[in-house]
Amino acid sequence: MKTSKSLRAALAAQTEARRGKLLAADCPSRAVLSHVTSRWGVLVLVVLLGGTHRFSQLRREVGGVSEKMLAQTLDGLVGDGFVARHALPVIPPHVEYSLTPMGEEVAARLEVLVDWIEDNFPRIAAARAELEAQEQAAGKAEAGARKAA
């Protein structure tokens, strides 16, 4: 059985090997990463964890997304195999979107991240406020130094 230290070293080596590919400028995985982690991609995937949605339902649930951006986001996620698009033969057209099994996997991982962000948002907001206060104090000190010179 591996010790905790050797297990961490093995995991670090695996992570380094994986990152070496993803961090390369020509890595094709970057496009997938971009689709999944885009501003709207994360939200669409998490919403679809709740079940099948029509385009208009998705647009209502993902506040602030334009029709164009939602369509582009869905196209990318469909193309990567995370979302299935089902066009029903009715008039007017009726299209539904749902997660594929691979989409369910990635969406579940994103949901953990989204939950962490929501749970820790007070700490995040405090860090932002602290940085803003530091920047304001530095700006006042710089202005005072210019006046004195």
C-alpha atoms as a PDB file:
ATOM      1  CA  MET A   1       0.000   0.000   0.000  1.00  0.00           C
ATOM      2  CA  LYS A   2       1.314   3.450  -0.910  1.00  0.00           C
ATOM      3  CA  THR A   3       2.023   5.928   1.795  1.00  0.00           C
ATOM      4  CA  SER A   4       0.135   9.178   1.864  1.00  0.00           C
ATOM      5  CA  LYS A   5       3.251  11.039   0.713  1.00  0.00           C
ATOM      6  CA  SER A   6       3.897   8.704  -2.229  1.00  0.00           C
ATOM      7  CA  LEU A   7       0.212   8.772  -3.179  1.00  0.00           C
ATOM      8  CA  ARG A   8       0.291  12.573  -3.269  1.00  0.00           C
ATOM      9  CA  ALA A   9       3.441  12.423  -5.411  1.00  0.00           C
ATOM     10  CA  ALA A  10       1.784   9.986  -7.826  1.00  0.00           C
ATOM     11  CA  LEU A  11      -1.324  12.160  -8.081  1.00  0.00           C
ATOM     12  CA  ALA A  12       0.832  15.241  -8.611  1.00  0.00           C
ATOM     13  CA  ALA A  13       2.698  13.464 -11.424  1.00  0.00           C
ATOM     14  CA  GLN A  14      -0.596  12.471 -13.080  1.00  0.00           C
ATOM     15  CA  THR A  15      -1.900  16.009 -12.772  1.00  0.00           C
ATOM     16  CA  GLU A  16       1.317  17.442 -14.186  1.00  0.00           C
ATOM     17  CA  ALA A  17       1.202  15.062 -17.158  1.00  0.00           C
ATOM     18  CA  ARG A  18      -2.427  15.984 -17.843  1.00  0.00           C
ATOM     19  CA  ARG A  19      -1.825  19.704 -17.464  1.00  0.00           C
ATOM     20  CA  GLY A  20       1.129  19.540 -19.783  1.00  0.00           C
ATOM     21  CA  LYS A  21      -1.230  18.668 -22.615  1.00  0.00           C
ATOM     22  CA  LEU A  22      -4.069  21.022 -21.732  1.00  0.00           C
ATOM     23  CA  LEU A  23      -1.729  23.932 -21.220  1.00  0.00           C
ATOM     24  CA  ALA A  24      -0.172  23.490 -24.669  1.00  0.00           C
ATOM     25  CA  ALA A  25      -1.362  26.175 -27.097  1.00  0.00           C
ATOM     26  CA  ASP A  26      -2.406  23.624 -29.711  1.00  0.00           C
ATOM     27  CA  CYS A  27      -4.259  21.260 -27.359  1.00  0.00           C
ATOM     28  CA  PRO A  28      -7.686  20.419 -28.835  1.00  0.00           C
ATOM     29  CA  SER A  29      -9.083  19.932 -25.311  1.00  0.00           C
ATOM     30  CA  ARG A  30      -9.010  23.693 -24.838  1.00  0.00           C
ATOM     31  CA  ALA A  31     -12.066  24.155 -27.053  1.00  0.00           C
ATOM     32  CA  VAL A  32     -13.988  21.661 -24.920  1.00  0.00           C
ATOM     33  CA  LEU A  33     -12.804  23.377 -21.743  1.00  0.00           C
ATOM     34  CA  SER A  34     -13.963  26.681 -23.189  1.00  0.00           C
ATOM     35  CA  HIS A  35     -17.437  25.340 -24.003  1.00  0.00           C
ATOM     36  CA  VAL A  36     -17.903  23.710 -20.601  1.00  0.00           C
ATOM     37  CA  THR A  37     -16.498  26.509 -18.447  1.00  0.00           C
ATOM     38  CA  SER A  38     -17.794  29.478 -20.391  1.00  0.00           C
ATOM     39  CA  ARG A  39     -20.000  31.986 -18.628  1.00  0.00           C
ATOM     40  CA  TRP A  40     -23.131  30.372 -20.043  1.00  0.00           C
ATOM     41  CA  GLY A  41     -21.900  26.792 -20.482  1.00  0.00           C
ATOM     42  CA  VAL A  42     -21.654  26.164 -16.748  1.00  0.00           C
ATOM     43  CA  LEU A  43     -25.127  27.555 -16.122  1.00  0.00           C
ATOM     44  CA  VAL A  44     -26.771  25.674 -19.010  1.00  0.00           C
ATOM     45  CA  LEU A  45     -25.250  22.374 -17.910  1.00  0.00           C
ATOM     46  CA  VAL A  46     -26.322  22.872 -14.299  1.00  0.00           C
ATOM     47  CA  VAL A  47     -29.876  23.825 -15.352  1.00  0.00           C
ATOM     48  CA  LEU A  48     -30.108  20.738 -17.563  1.00  0.00           C
ATOM     49  CA  LEU A  49     -29.290  18.566 -14.540  1.00  0.00           C
ATOM     50  CA  GLY A  50     -32.901  19.303 -13.602  1.00  0.00           C
ATOM     51  CA  GLY A  51     -34.173  17.610 -16.762  1.00  0.00           C
ATOM     52  CA  THR A  52     -35.107  18.295 -20.363  1.00  0.00           C
ATOM     53  CA  HIS A  53     -35.758  21.918 -21.329  1.00  0.00           C
ATOM     54  CA  ARG A  54     -36.939  23.776 -24.378  1.00  0.00           C
ATOM     55  CA  PHE A  55     -34.850  26.699 -25.634  1.00  0.00           C
ATOM     56  CA  SER A  56     -37.233  29.284 -24.172  1.00  0.00           C
ATOM     57  CA  GLN A  57     -37.230  27.531 -20.786  1.00  0.00           C
ATOM     58  CA  LEU A  58     -33.444  27.552 -20.713  1.00  0.00           C
ATOM     59  CA  ARG A  59     -33.364  31.219 -21.616  1.00  0.00           C
ATOM     60  CA  ARG A  60     -35.749  32.054 -18.762  1.00  0.00           C
ATOM     61  CA  GLU A  61     -33.807  30.004 -16.210  1.00  0.00           C
ATOM     62  CA  VAL A  62     -30.365  31.264 -17.233  1.00  0.00           C
ATOM     63  CA  GLY A  63     -30.927  34.924 -16.469  1.00  0.00           C
ATOM     64  CA  GLY A  64     -29.202  37.460 -18.679  1.00  0.00           C
ATOM     65  CA  VAL A  65     -28.288  35.217 -21.608  1.00  0.00           C
ATOM     66  CA  SER A  66     -29.205  36.472 -25.083  1.00  0.00           C
ATOM     67  CA  GLU A  67     -30.794  34.200 -27.683  1.00  0.00           C
ATOM     68  CA  LYS A  68     -27.615  34.359 -29.756  1.00  0.00           C
ATOM     69  CA  MET A  69     -25.324  33.394 -26.865  1.00  0.00           C
ATOM     70  CA  LEU A  70     -27.629  30.618 -25.712  1.00  0.00           C
ATOM     71  CA  ALA A  71     -27.758  29.198 -29.249  1.00  0.00           C
ATOM     72  CA  GLN A  72     -23.949  29.359 -29.551  1.00  0.00           C
ATOM     73  CA  THR A  73     -23.508  27.767 -26.138  1.00  0.00           C
ATOM     74  CA  LEU A  74     -25.910  24.953 -26.947  1.00  0.00           C
ATOM     75  CA  ASP A  75     -24.247  24.364 -30.328  1.00  0.00           C
ATOM     76  CA  GLY A  76     -20.875  23.941 -28.626  1.00  0.00           C
ATOM     77  CA  LEU A  77     -22.229  21.632 -25.930  1.00  0.00           C
ATOM     78  CA  VAL A  78     -24.156  19.553 -28.492  1.00  0.00           C
ATOM     79  CA  GLY A  79     -21.047  19.347 -30.677  1.00  0.00           C
ATOM     80  CA  ASP A  80     -18.936  18.123 -27.757  1.00  0.00           C
ATOM     81  CA  GLY A  81     -21.490  15.434 -26.905  1.00  0.00           C
ATOM     82  CA  PHE A  82     -22.626  16.870 -23.571  1.00  0.00           C
ATOM     83  CA  VAL A  83     -26.122  17.918 -24.655  1.00  0.00           C
ATOM     84  CA  ALA A  84     -28.615  16.133 -26.898  1.00  0.00           C
ATOM     85  CA  ARG A  85     -30.869  18.191 -29.180  1.00  0.00           C
ATOM     86  CA  HIS A  86     -34.257  16.640 -29.955  1.00  0.00           C
ATOM     87  CA  ALA A  87     -36.287  18.298 -32.726  1.00  0.00           C
ATOM     88  CA  LEU A  88     -39.893  17.153 -32.691  1.00  0.00           C
ATOM     89  CA  PRO A  89     -41.769  17.084 -36.026  1.00  0.00           C
ATOM     90  CA  VAL A  90     -44.480  19.574 -35.119  1.00  0.00           C
ATOM     91  CA  ILE A  91     -45.504  23.046 -36.213  1.00  0.00           C
ATOM     92  CA  PRO A  92     -44.348  25.375 -34.788  1.00  0.00           C
ATOM     93  CA  PRO A  93     -40.970  23.687 -34.319  1.00  0.00           C
ATOM     94  CA  HIS A  94     -40.410  22.159 -30.893  1.00  0.00           C
ATOM     95  CA  VAL A  95     -36.808  21.515 -29.845  1.00  0.00           C
ATOM     96  CA  GLU A  96     -35.778  20.053 -26.520  1.00  0.00           C
ATOM     97  CA  TYR A  97     -32.355  19.839 -24.923  1.00  0.00           C
ATOM     98  CA  SER A  98     -31.184  17.276 -22.393  1.00  0.00           C
ATOM     99  CA  LEU A  99     -27.918  16.021 -20.974  1.00  0.00           C
ATOM    100  CA  THR A 100     -26.230  12.991 -22.452  1.00  0.00           C
ATOM    101  CA  PRO A 101     -24.613  10.528 -20.023  1.00  0.00           C
ATOM    102  CA  MET A 102     -21.294  12.338 -20.553  1.00  0.00           C
ATOM    103  CA  GLY A 103     -23.086  15.653 -19.993  1.00  0.00           C
ATOM    104  CA  GLU A 104     -24.493  14.358 -16.716  1.00  0.00           C
ATOM    105  CA  GLU A 105     -20.952  13.549 -15.569  1.00  0.00           C
ATOM    106  CA  VAL A 106     -19.514  16.958 -16.368  1.00  0.00           C
ATOM    107  CA  ALA A 107     -22.592  18.817 -15.079  1.00  0.00           C
ATOM    108  CA  ALA A 108     -22.414  16.988 -11.741  1.00  0.00           C
ATOM    109  CA  ARG A 109     -18.797  18.123 -11.356  1.00  0.00           C
ATOM    110  CA  LEU A 110     -19.713  21.695 -12.255  1.00  0.00           C
ATOM    111  CA  GLU A 111     -22.586  21.637  -9.781  1.00  0.00           C
ATOM    112  CA  VAL A 112     -20.063  20.952  -6.999  1.00  0.00           C
ATOM    113  CA  LEU A 113     -18.097  24.031  -8.085  1.00  0.00           C
ATOM    114  CA  VAL A 114     -21.239  26.176  -8.317  1.00  0.00           C
ATOM    115  CA  ASP A 115     -22.337  25.012  -4.860  1.00  0.00           C
ATOM    116  CA  TRP A 116     -18.889  25.806  -3.445  1.00  0.00           C
ATOM    117  CA  ILE A 117     -19.013  29.316  -4.917  1.00  0.00           C
ATOM    118  CA  GLU A 118     -22.480  29.950  -3.486  1.00  0.00           C
ATOM    119  CA  ASP A 119     -21.497  28.545  -0.075  1.00  0.00           C
ATOM    120  CA  ASN A 120     -18.320  30.632   0.045  1.00  0.00           C
ATOM    121  CA  PHE A 121     -19.615  33.810  -1.552  1.00  0.00           C
ATOM    122  CA  PRO A 122     -19.534  35.805   1.713  1.00  0.00           C
ATOM    123  CA  ARG A 123     -15.788  35.071   1.965  1.00  0.00           C
ATOM    124  CA  ILE A 124     -15.305  35.959  -1.699  1.00  0.00           C
ATOM    125  CA  ALA A 125     -17.206  39.232  -1.264  1.00  0.00           C
ATOM    126  CA  ALA A 126     -15.100  40.064   1.805  1.00  0.00           C
ATOM    127  CA  ALA A 127     -11.882  39.428  -0.141  1.00  0.00           C
ATOM    128  CA  ARG A 128     -13.114  41.679  -2.944  1.00  0.00           C
ATOM    129  CA  ALA A 129     -14.011  44.440  -0.492  1.00  0.00           C
ATOM    130  CA  GLU A 130     -10.618  44.162   1.209  1.00  0.00           C
ATOM    131  CA  LEU A 131      -8.781  44.436  -2.114  1.00  0.00           C
ATOM    132  CA  GLU A 132     -10.890  47.437  -3.122  1.00  0.00           C
ATOM    133  CA  ALA A 133     -10.118  49.145   0.200  1.00  0.00           C
ATOM    134  CA  GLN A 134      -6.391  48.466  -0.269  1.00  0.00           C
ATOM    135  CA  GLU A 135      -6.485  49.867  -3.802  1.00  0.00           C
ATOM    136  CA  GLN A 136      -8.326  52.983  -2.619  1.00  0.00           C
ATOM    137  CA  ALA A 137      -5.824  53.485   0.209  1.00  0.00           C
ATOM    138  CA  ALA A 138      -2.923  53.047  -2.214  1.00  0.00           C
ATOM    139  CA  GLY A 139      -4.513  55.551  -4.601  1.00  0.00           C
ATOM    140  CA  LYS A 140      -4.926  58.114  -1.810  1.00  0.00           C
ATOM    141  CA  ALA A 141      -1.324  57.592  -0.694  1.00  0.00           C
ATOM    142  CA  GLU A 142      -0.101  58.030  -4.270  1.00  0.00           C
ATOM    143  CA  ALA A 143      -2.154  61.210  -4.688  1.00  0.00           C
ATOM    144  CA  GLY A 144      -0.736  62.561  -1.417  1.00  0.00           C
ATOM    145  CA  ALA A 145       2.810  61.813  -2.556  1.00  0.00           C
ATOM    146  CA  ARG A 146       2.224  63.676  -5.832  1.00  0.00           C
ATOM    147  CA  LYS A 147       0.875  66.700  -3.926  1.00  0.00           C
ATOM    148  CA  ALA A 148       3.912  66.736  -1.643  1.00  0.00           C
ATOM    149  CA  ALA A 149       6.316  66.596  -4.593  1.00  0.00           C
END
